[in-house]
C-alpha cells in the first residue's frame, strides 16, 4: 500500500505537514474499505445539535472544535470528525445557494420572458 504525503511550506519556510492536519480532522477512525463504503446517516439528535451549533454562529469550526463536536455527538450514534467537517461545509454551501435563489427571486422557467414580451410587441405591426 502506498501513501501520498503532501509537504508544503509557509511563507517563513517552515514545513507544514498536511497529512497531520488531515488526521486531526478525520481522527484515528477505522479507514478500512468496509468502513469507507458505509455512508454516515446522522440521527435526528445529531442534526438538531449541529443545526444549533451553526445557528449560534459556528460556520467553519476549527480542527479542535470538530473533534469536540464529534465526541459529544457520539452518544447519539456513529459520527466521525470528517462527518462534522463536511456537514458544516455542505450546510454553509446550501444556505448560500438558498439565499442567492431568494435574493434574485429568479425562476429558471421564466428566463426568456423578456424575449417573449419583445416578440409579442413586435408582431402587432
N, C-alpha and C. Protein backbone atom coordinates (compact mmCIF):
# COMPACT_ATOMS: atom_id res chain seq x y z
N UNK A 1 0.84 -1.16 0.00
CA UNK A 1 0.00 0.00 0.00
C UNK A 1 0.89 1.23 0.00
N UNK A 2 0.61 2.18 -0.88
CA UNK A 2 1.41 3.40 -0.98
C UNK A 2 0.64 4.56 -0.38
N UNK A 3 1.38 5.47 0.24
CA UNK A 3 0.78 6.67 0.82
C UNK A 3 1.37 7.89 0.15
N UNK A 4 0.54 8.87 -0.07
CA UNK A 4 1.00 10.13 -0.64
C UNK A 4 0.98 11.16 0.47
N UNK A 5 2.11 11.74 0.75
CA UNK A 5 2.21 12.78 1.76
C UNK A 5 2.59 14.07 1.05
N UNK A 6 1.74 15.06 1.20
CA UNK A 6 1.99 16.35 0.58
C UNK A 6 2.65 17.23 1.63
N UNK A 7 3.81 17.73 1.30
CA UNK A 7 4.54 18.58 2.22
C UNK A 7 4.67 19.94 1.57
N UNK A 8 4.23 20.96 2.27
CA UNK A 8 4.35 22.33 1.78
C UNK A 8 5.05 23.15 2.85
N UNK A 9 5.36 24.37 2.51
CA UNK A 9 5.98 25.25 3.50
C UNK A 9 5.23 26.56 3.54
N UNK A 10 5.30 27.21 4.69
CA UNK A 10 4.65 28.51 4.83
C UNK A 10 5.59 29.59 4.33
N UNK A 11 5.19 30.85 4.49
CA UNK A 11 5.99 31.96 3.98
C UNK A 11 7.36 32.06 4.64
N UNK A 12 7.46 31.57 5.86
CA UNK A 12 8.73 31.62 6.58
C UNK A 12 9.62 30.43 6.25
N UNK A 13 9.13 29.50 5.42
CA UNK A 13 9.92 28.34 5.05
C UNK A 13 9.73 27.16 5.97
N UNK A 14 8.83 27.27 6.95
CA UNK A 14 8.56 26.16 7.85
C UNK A 14 7.75 25.09 7.13
N UNK A 15 8.09 23.85 7.36
CA UNK A 15 7.40 22.75 6.69
C UNK A 15 6.05 22.52 7.36
N UNK A 16 5.02 22.42 6.54
CA UNK A 16 3.68 22.15 7.03
C UNK A 16 3.31 20.74 6.59
N UNK A 17 2.97 19.91 7.53
CA UNK A 17 2.60 18.53 7.24
C UNK A 17 1.09 18.47 7.07
N UNK A 18 0.61 18.47 5.82
CA UNK A 18 -0.82 18.45 5.55
C UNK A 18 -1.47 17.14 5.97
N UNK A 19 -0.70 16.05 5.98
CA UNK A 19 -1.25 14.77 6.41
C UNK A 19 -1.62 14.82 7.89
N UNK A 20 -0.82 15.51 8.67
CA UNK A 20 -1.11 15.64 10.11
C UNK A 20 -2.42 16.39 10.31
N UNK A 21 -2.62 17.49 9.56
CA UNK A 21 -3.87 18.26 9.66
C UNK A 21 -5.05 17.39 9.25
N UNK A 22 -4.90 16.62 8.19
CA UNK A 22 -5.97 15.73 7.73
C UNK A 22 -6.32 14.71 8.81
N UNK A 23 -5.32 14.14 9.46
CA UNK A 23 -5.57 13.17 10.51
C UNK A 23 -6.27 13.80 11.71
N UNK A 24 -5.96 15.07 11.98
CA UNK A 24 -6.65 15.74 13.08
C UNK A 24 -8.13 15.92 12.77
N UNK A 25 -8.45 16.18 11.50
CA UNK A 25 -9.85 16.37 11.12
C UNK A 25 -10.59 15.04 11.18
N UNK A 26 -10.04 14.00 10.56
CA UNK A 26 -10.78 12.74 10.50
C UNK A 26 -10.55 11.88 11.73
N UNK A 27 -9.53 12.20 12.51
CA UNK A 27 -9.26 11.43 13.72
C UNK A 27 -8.61 10.11 13.39
N UNK A 28 -8.64 9.21 14.33
CA UNK A 28 -8.00 7.91 14.14
C UNK A 28 -9.04 6.83 13.91
N UNK A 29 -10.09 7.19 13.17
CA UNK A 29 -11.15 6.23 12.91
C UNK A 29 -10.65 5.12 11.99
N UNK A 30 -11.43 4.07 11.93
CA UNK A 30 -11.11 2.93 11.07
C UNK A 30 -11.24 3.36 9.61
N UNK A 31 -10.15 3.29 8.88
CA UNK A 31 -10.17 3.70 7.47
C UNK A 31 -10.13 2.49 6.54
N UNK A 32 -10.71 1.39 6.96
CA UNK A 32 -10.74 0.20 6.13
C UNK A 32 -11.73 0.40 4.98
N UNK A 33 -11.60 -0.37 3.89
CA UNK A 33 -12.55 -0.24 2.77
C UNK A 33 -13.99 -0.45 3.20
N UNK A 34 -14.24 -1.35 4.14
CA UNK A 34 -15.61 -1.59 4.60
C UNK A 34 -16.17 -0.36 5.30
N UNK A 35 -15.34 0.30 6.11
CA UNK A 35 -15.79 1.49 6.83
C UNK A 35 -16.02 2.64 5.87
N UNK A 36 -15.20 2.73 4.83
CA UNK A 36 -15.33 3.83 3.88
C UNK A 36 -16.58 3.68 3.01
N UNK A 37 -17.06 2.47 2.84
CA UNK A 37 -18.20 2.27 1.94
C UNK A 37 -19.54 2.56 2.60
N UNK A 38 -19.58 2.61 3.93
CA UNK A 38 -20.86 2.88 4.59
C UNK A 38 -21.03 4.39 4.77
N UNK A 39 -22.15 4.88 4.31
CA UNK A 39 -22.44 6.31 4.35
C UNK A 39 -22.92 6.68 5.75
N UNK A 40 -22.51 7.84 6.21
CA UNK A 40 -22.94 8.34 7.51
C UNK A 40 -24.40 8.75 7.44
N UNK A 41 -25.18 8.25 8.36
CA UNK A 41 -26.60 8.59 8.42
C UNK A 41 -26.85 9.24 9.78
N UNK A 42 -26.87 10.58 9.82
CA UNK A 42 -27.00 11.25 11.12
C UNK A 42 -28.34 10.99 11.78
N UNK A 43 -28.31 10.89 13.09
CA UNK A 43 -29.54 10.71 13.85
C UNK A 43 -30.23 12.08 13.96
N UNK A 44 -31.52 12.10 14.23
CA UNK A 44 -32.21 13.38 14.41
C UNK A 44 -31.56 14.25 15.51
N UNK A 45 -31.08 13.61 16.56
CA UNK A 45 -30.42 14.35 17.64
C UNK A 45 -29.12 15.00 17.15
N UNK A 46 -28.37 14.27 16.33
CA UNK A 46 -27.13 14.84 15.79
C UNK A 46 -27.42 16.03 14.89
N UNK A 47 -28.42 15.91 14.04
CA UNK A 47 -28.79 17.01 13.14
C UNK A 47 -29.23 18.23 13.95
N UNK A 48 -30.07 18.00 14.95
CA UNK A 48 -30.55 19.11 15.79
C UNK A 48 -29.37 19.81 16.46
N UNK A 49 -28.45 19.04 17.00
CA UNK A 49 -27.29 19.62 17.68
C UNK A 49 -26.40 20.39 16.71
N UNK A 50 -26.15 19.82 15.53
CA UNK A 50 -25.32 20.51 14.53
C UNK A 50 -25.98 21.81 14.07
N UNK A 51 -27.29 21.77 13.84
CA UNK A 51 -28.01 22.98 13.43
C UNK A 51 -27.97 24.05 14.51
N UNK A 52 -28.04 23.64 15.76
CA UNK A 52 -27.97 24.59 16.88
C UNK A 52 -26.60 25.24 16.95
N UNK A 53 -25.55 24.46 16.79
CA UNK A 53 -24.19 24.99 16.79
C UNK A 53 -24.03 25.99 15.64
N UNK A 54 -24.55 25.63 14.47
CA UNK A 54 -24.47 26.51 13.30
C UNK A 54 -25.26 27.80 13.55
N UNK A 55 -26.47 27.66 14.10
CA UNK A 55 -27.33 28.82 14.36
C UNK A 55 -26.68 29.80 15.34
N UNK A 56 -25.89 29.27 16.26
CA UNK A 56 -25.20 30.11 17.24
C UNK A 56 -23.98 30.82 16.66
N UNK A 57 -23.65 30.55 15.41
CA UNK A 57 -22.58 31.31 14.76
C UNK A 57 -21.37 30.54 14.29
N UNK A 58 -21.26 29.28 14.63
CA UNK A 58 -20.11 28.50 14.17
C UNK A 58 -20.36 28.09 12.73
N UNK A 59 -19.56 28.63 11.81
CA UNK A 59 -19.71 28.33 10.39
C UNK A 59 -18.59 27.42 9.88
N UNK A 60 -17.38 27.68 10.37
CA UNK A 60 -16.21 26.88 9.98
C UNK A 60 -15.46 26.50 11.25
N UNK A 61 -15.84 25.39 11.87
CA UNK A 61 -15.19 25.02 13.12
C UNK A 61 -13.73 24.65 12.93
N UNK A 62 -12.93 24.92 13.95
CA UNK A 62 -11.52 24.55 13.91
C UNK A 62 -11.40 23.04 14.04
N UNK A 63 -10.22 22.54 13.82
CA UNK A 63 -9.96 21.11 13.95
C UNK A 63 -10.31 20.64 15.36
N UNK A 64 -9.93 21.43 16.35
CA UNK A 64 -10.22 21.07 17.74
C UNK A 64 -11.74 21.06 17.99
N UNK A 65 -12.45 22.07 17.48
CA UNK A 65 -13.90 22.12 17.65
C UNK A 65 -14.58 20.93 16.97
N UNK A 66 -14.08 20.56 15.80
CA UNK A 66 -14.63 19.40 15.07
C UNK A 66 -14.54 18.15 15.93
N UNK A 67 -13.38 17.93 16.53
CA UNK A 67 -13.19 16.74 17.36
C UNK A 67 -14.08 16.78 18.61
N UNK A 68 -14.23 17.97 19.21
CA UNK A 68 -15.09 18.11 20.39
C UNK A 68 -16.55 17.85 20.03
N UNK A 69 -16.99 18.40 18.92
CA UNK A 69 -18.38 18.21 18.48
C UNK A 69 -18.63 16.73 18.21
N UNK A 70 -17.73 16.09 17.48
CA UNK A 70 -17.90 14.66 17.16
C UNK A 70 -17.94 13.83 18.44
N UNK A 71 -17.08 14.13 19.38
CA UNK A 71 -17.03 13.37 20.64
C UNK A 71 -18.36 13.49 21.39
N UNK A 72 -18.92 14.70 21.44
CA UNK A 72 -20.18 14.91 22.14
C UNK A 72 -21.35 14.23 21.43
N UNK A 73 -21.30 14.21 20.11
CA UNK A 73 -22.42 13.65 19.34
C UNK A 73 -22.37 12.13 19.22
N UNK A 74 -21.29 11.51 19.63
CA UNK A 74 -21.18 10.04 19.57
C UNK A 74 -22.18 9.35 20.50
N UNK A 75 -22.65 10.07 21.51
CA UNK A 75 -23.63 9.45 22.41
C UNK A 75 -24.96 9.22 21.70
N UNK A 76 -25.16 9.88 20.54
CA UNK A 76 -26.39 9.70 19.78
C UNK A 76 -26.24 8.73 18.60
N UNK A 77 -25.02 8.30 18.34
CA UNK A 77 -24.79 7.38 17.23
C UNK A 77 -23.41 7.58 16.62
N UNK A 78 -23.12 6.77 15.62
CA UNK A 78 -21.82 6.81 14.95
C UNK A 78 -21.61 8.16 14.26
N UNK A 79 -20.45 8.76 14.49
CA UNK A 79 -20.08 10.02 13.85
C UNK A 79 -18.56 10.17 13.94
N UNK A 80 -17.98 10.69 12.90
CA UNK A 80 -16.54 10.91 12.84
C UNK A 80 -16.28 12.39 12.61
N UNK A 81 -15.05 12.79 12.85
CA UNK A 81 -14.66 14.18 12.62
C UNK A 81 -14.95 14.64 11.20
N UNK A 82 -14.69 13.76 10.25
CA UNK A 82 -14.91 14.16 8.85
C UNK A 82 -16.39 14.39 8.57
N UNK A 83 -17.29 13.68 9.28
CA UNK A 83 -18.72 13.90 9.10
C UNK A 83 -19.10 15.30 9.55
N UNK A 84 -18.55 15.71 10.67
CA UNK A 84 -18.81 17.06 11.19
C UNK A 84 -18.24 18.10 10.23
N UNK A 85 -17.00 17.89 9.80
CA UNK A 85 -16.34 18.81 8.88
C UNK A 85 -17.17 19.02 7.61
N UNK A 86 -17.58 17.92 6.98
CA UNK A 86 -18.34 18.01 5.74
C UNK A 86 -19.76 18.51 5.96
N UNK A 87 -20.36 18.22 7.12
CA UNK A 87 -21.70 18.72 7.41
C UNK A 87 -21.69 20.24 7.40
N UNK A 88 -20.69 20.84 8.07
CA UNK A 88 -20.61 22.30 8.11
C UNK A 88 -20.35 22.88 6.72
N UNK A 89 -19.46 22.28 5.95
CA UNK A 89 -19.21 22.75 4.59
C UNK A 89 -20.48 22.71 3.75
N UNK A 90 -21.17 21.58 3.78
CA UNK A 90 -22.38 21.41 2.98
C UNK A 90 -23.50 22.34 3.44
N UNK A 91 -23.66 22.47 4.76
CA UNK A 91 -24.73 23.31 5.28
C UNK A 91 -24.52 24.77 4.89
N UNK A 92 -23.27 25.22 5.00
CA UNK A 92 -22.94 26.60 4.63
C UNK A 92 -23.18 26.83 3.14
N UNK A 93 -22.79 25.88 2.32
CA UNK A 93 -22.96 25.98 0.87
C UNK A 93 -24.44 26.00 0.49
N UNK A 94 -25.22 25.12 1.10
CA UNK A 94 -26.66 25.07 0.79
C UNK A 94 -27.37 26.34 1.25
N UNK A 95 -26.94 26.88 2.39
CA UNK A 95 -27.54 28.12 2.88
C UNK A 95 -27.25 29.28 1.93
N UNK A 96 -26.00 29.35 1.44
CA UNK A 96 -25.64 30.39 0.47
C UNK A 96 -26.46 30.26 -0.81
N UNK A 97 -26.60 29.03 -1.30
CA UNK A 97 -27.35 28.78 -2.53
C UNK A 97 -28.82 29.19 -2.34
N UNK A 98 -29.39 28.83 -1.21
CA UNK A 98 -30.78 29.18 -0.93
C UNK A 98 -30.94 30.71 -0.86
N UNK A 99 -29.98 31.39 -0.22
CA UNK A 99 -30.02 32.84 -0.09
C UNK A 99 -29.94 33.50 -1.47
N UNK A 100 -29.06 32.99 -2.32
CA UNK A 100 -28.94 33.55 -3.68
C UNK A 100 -30.23 33.37 -4.46
N UNK A 101 -30.86 32.22 -4.33
CA UNK A 101 -32.11 31.97 -5.03
C UNK A 101 -33.21 32.91 -4.55
N UNK A 102 -33.27 33.15 -3.26
CA UNK A 102 -34.31 34.03 -2.70
C UNK A 102 -34.03 35.49 -3.04
N UNK A 103 -32.76 35.91 -2.97
CA UNK A 103 -32.42 37.30 -3.26
C UNK A 103 -32.70 37.65 -4.70
N UNK A 104 -32.34 36.76 -5.60
CA UNK A 104 -32.55 37.03 -7.02
C UNK A 104 -33.99 36.87 -7.43
N UNK A 105 -34.75 36.10 -6.64
CA UNK A 105 -36.13 35.80 -6.98
C UNK A 105 -36.21 35.42 -8.45
N UNK A 106 -35.26 34.60 -8.86
CA UNK A 106 -35.09 34.25 -10.27
C UNK A 106 -35.60 32.85 -10.51
N UNK A 107 -36.49 32.73 -11.47
CA UNK A 107 -37.05 31.43 -11.82
C UNK A 107 -36.50 31.04 -13.18
N UNK A 108 -35.80 29.94 -13.25
CA UNK A 108 -35.18 29.49 -14.49
C UNK A 108 -36.23 29.29 -15.59
N UNK A 109 -37.45 28.94 -15.20
CA UNK A 109 -38.50 28.73 -16.20
C UNK A 109 -38.94 30.03 -16.87
N UNK A 110 -38.69 31.16 -16.23
CA UNK A 110 -39.08 32.45 -16.78
C UNK A 110 -37.89 33.23 -17.33
N UNK A 111 -36.79 32.55 -17.57
CA UNK A 111 -35.57 33.22 -18.01
C UNK A 111 -35.75 33.92 -19.35
N UNK A 112 -36.64 33.46 -20.20
CA UNK A 112 -36.80 34.04 -21.52
C UNK A 112 -38.04 34.92 -21.63
N UNK A 113 -38.66 35.26 -20.52
CA UNK A 113 -39.86 36.10 -20.55
C UNK A 113 -39.64 37.43 -21.26
N UNK A 114 -38.54 38.17 -20.98
CA UNK A 114 -38.36 39.45 -21.69
C UNK A 114 -38.31 39.27 -23.21
N UNK A 115 -37.70 38.20 -23.68
CA UNK A 115 -37.63 37.93 -25.12
C UNK A 115 -39.02 37.66 -25.66
N UNK A 116 -39.82 36.92 -24.91
CA UNK A 116 -41.18 36.61 -25.32
C UNK A 116 -42.00 37.90 -25.43
N UNK A 117 -41.86 38.78 -24.43
CA UNK A 117 -42.57 40.06 -24.46
C UNK A 117 -42.15 40.89 -25.67
N UNK A 118 -40.87 40.88 -25.99
CA UNK A 118 -40.37 41.63 -27.13
C UNK A 118 -40.96 41.11 -28.42
N UNK A 119 -41.03 39.78 -28.56
CA UNK A 119 -41.58 39.19 -29.77
C UNK A 119 -43.09 39.51 -29.89
N UNK A 120 -43.81 39.47 -28.75
CA UNK A 120 -45.24 39.75 -28.79
C UNK A 120 -45.52 41.18 -29.22
N UNK A 121 -44.72 42.14 -28.72
CA UNK A 121 -44.97 43.54 -29.03
C UNK A 121 -44.58 43.88 -30.47
N UNK A 122 -43.61 43.16 -31.02
CA UNK A 122 -43.16 43.49 -32.38
C UNK A 122 -44.06 42.84 -33.43
N UNK A 123 -44.87 41.84 -33.07
CA UNK A 123 -45.70 41.16 -34.05
C UNK A 123 -46.97 41.95 -34.34
N UNK A 124 -47.29 42.98 -33.56
CA UNK A 124 -48.51 43.75 -33.76
C UNK A 124 -48.43 44.76 -34.87
N UNK A 125 -47.29 44.98 -35.49
CA UNK A 125 -47.12 45.99 -36.54
C UNK A 125 -47.76 45.60 -37.80
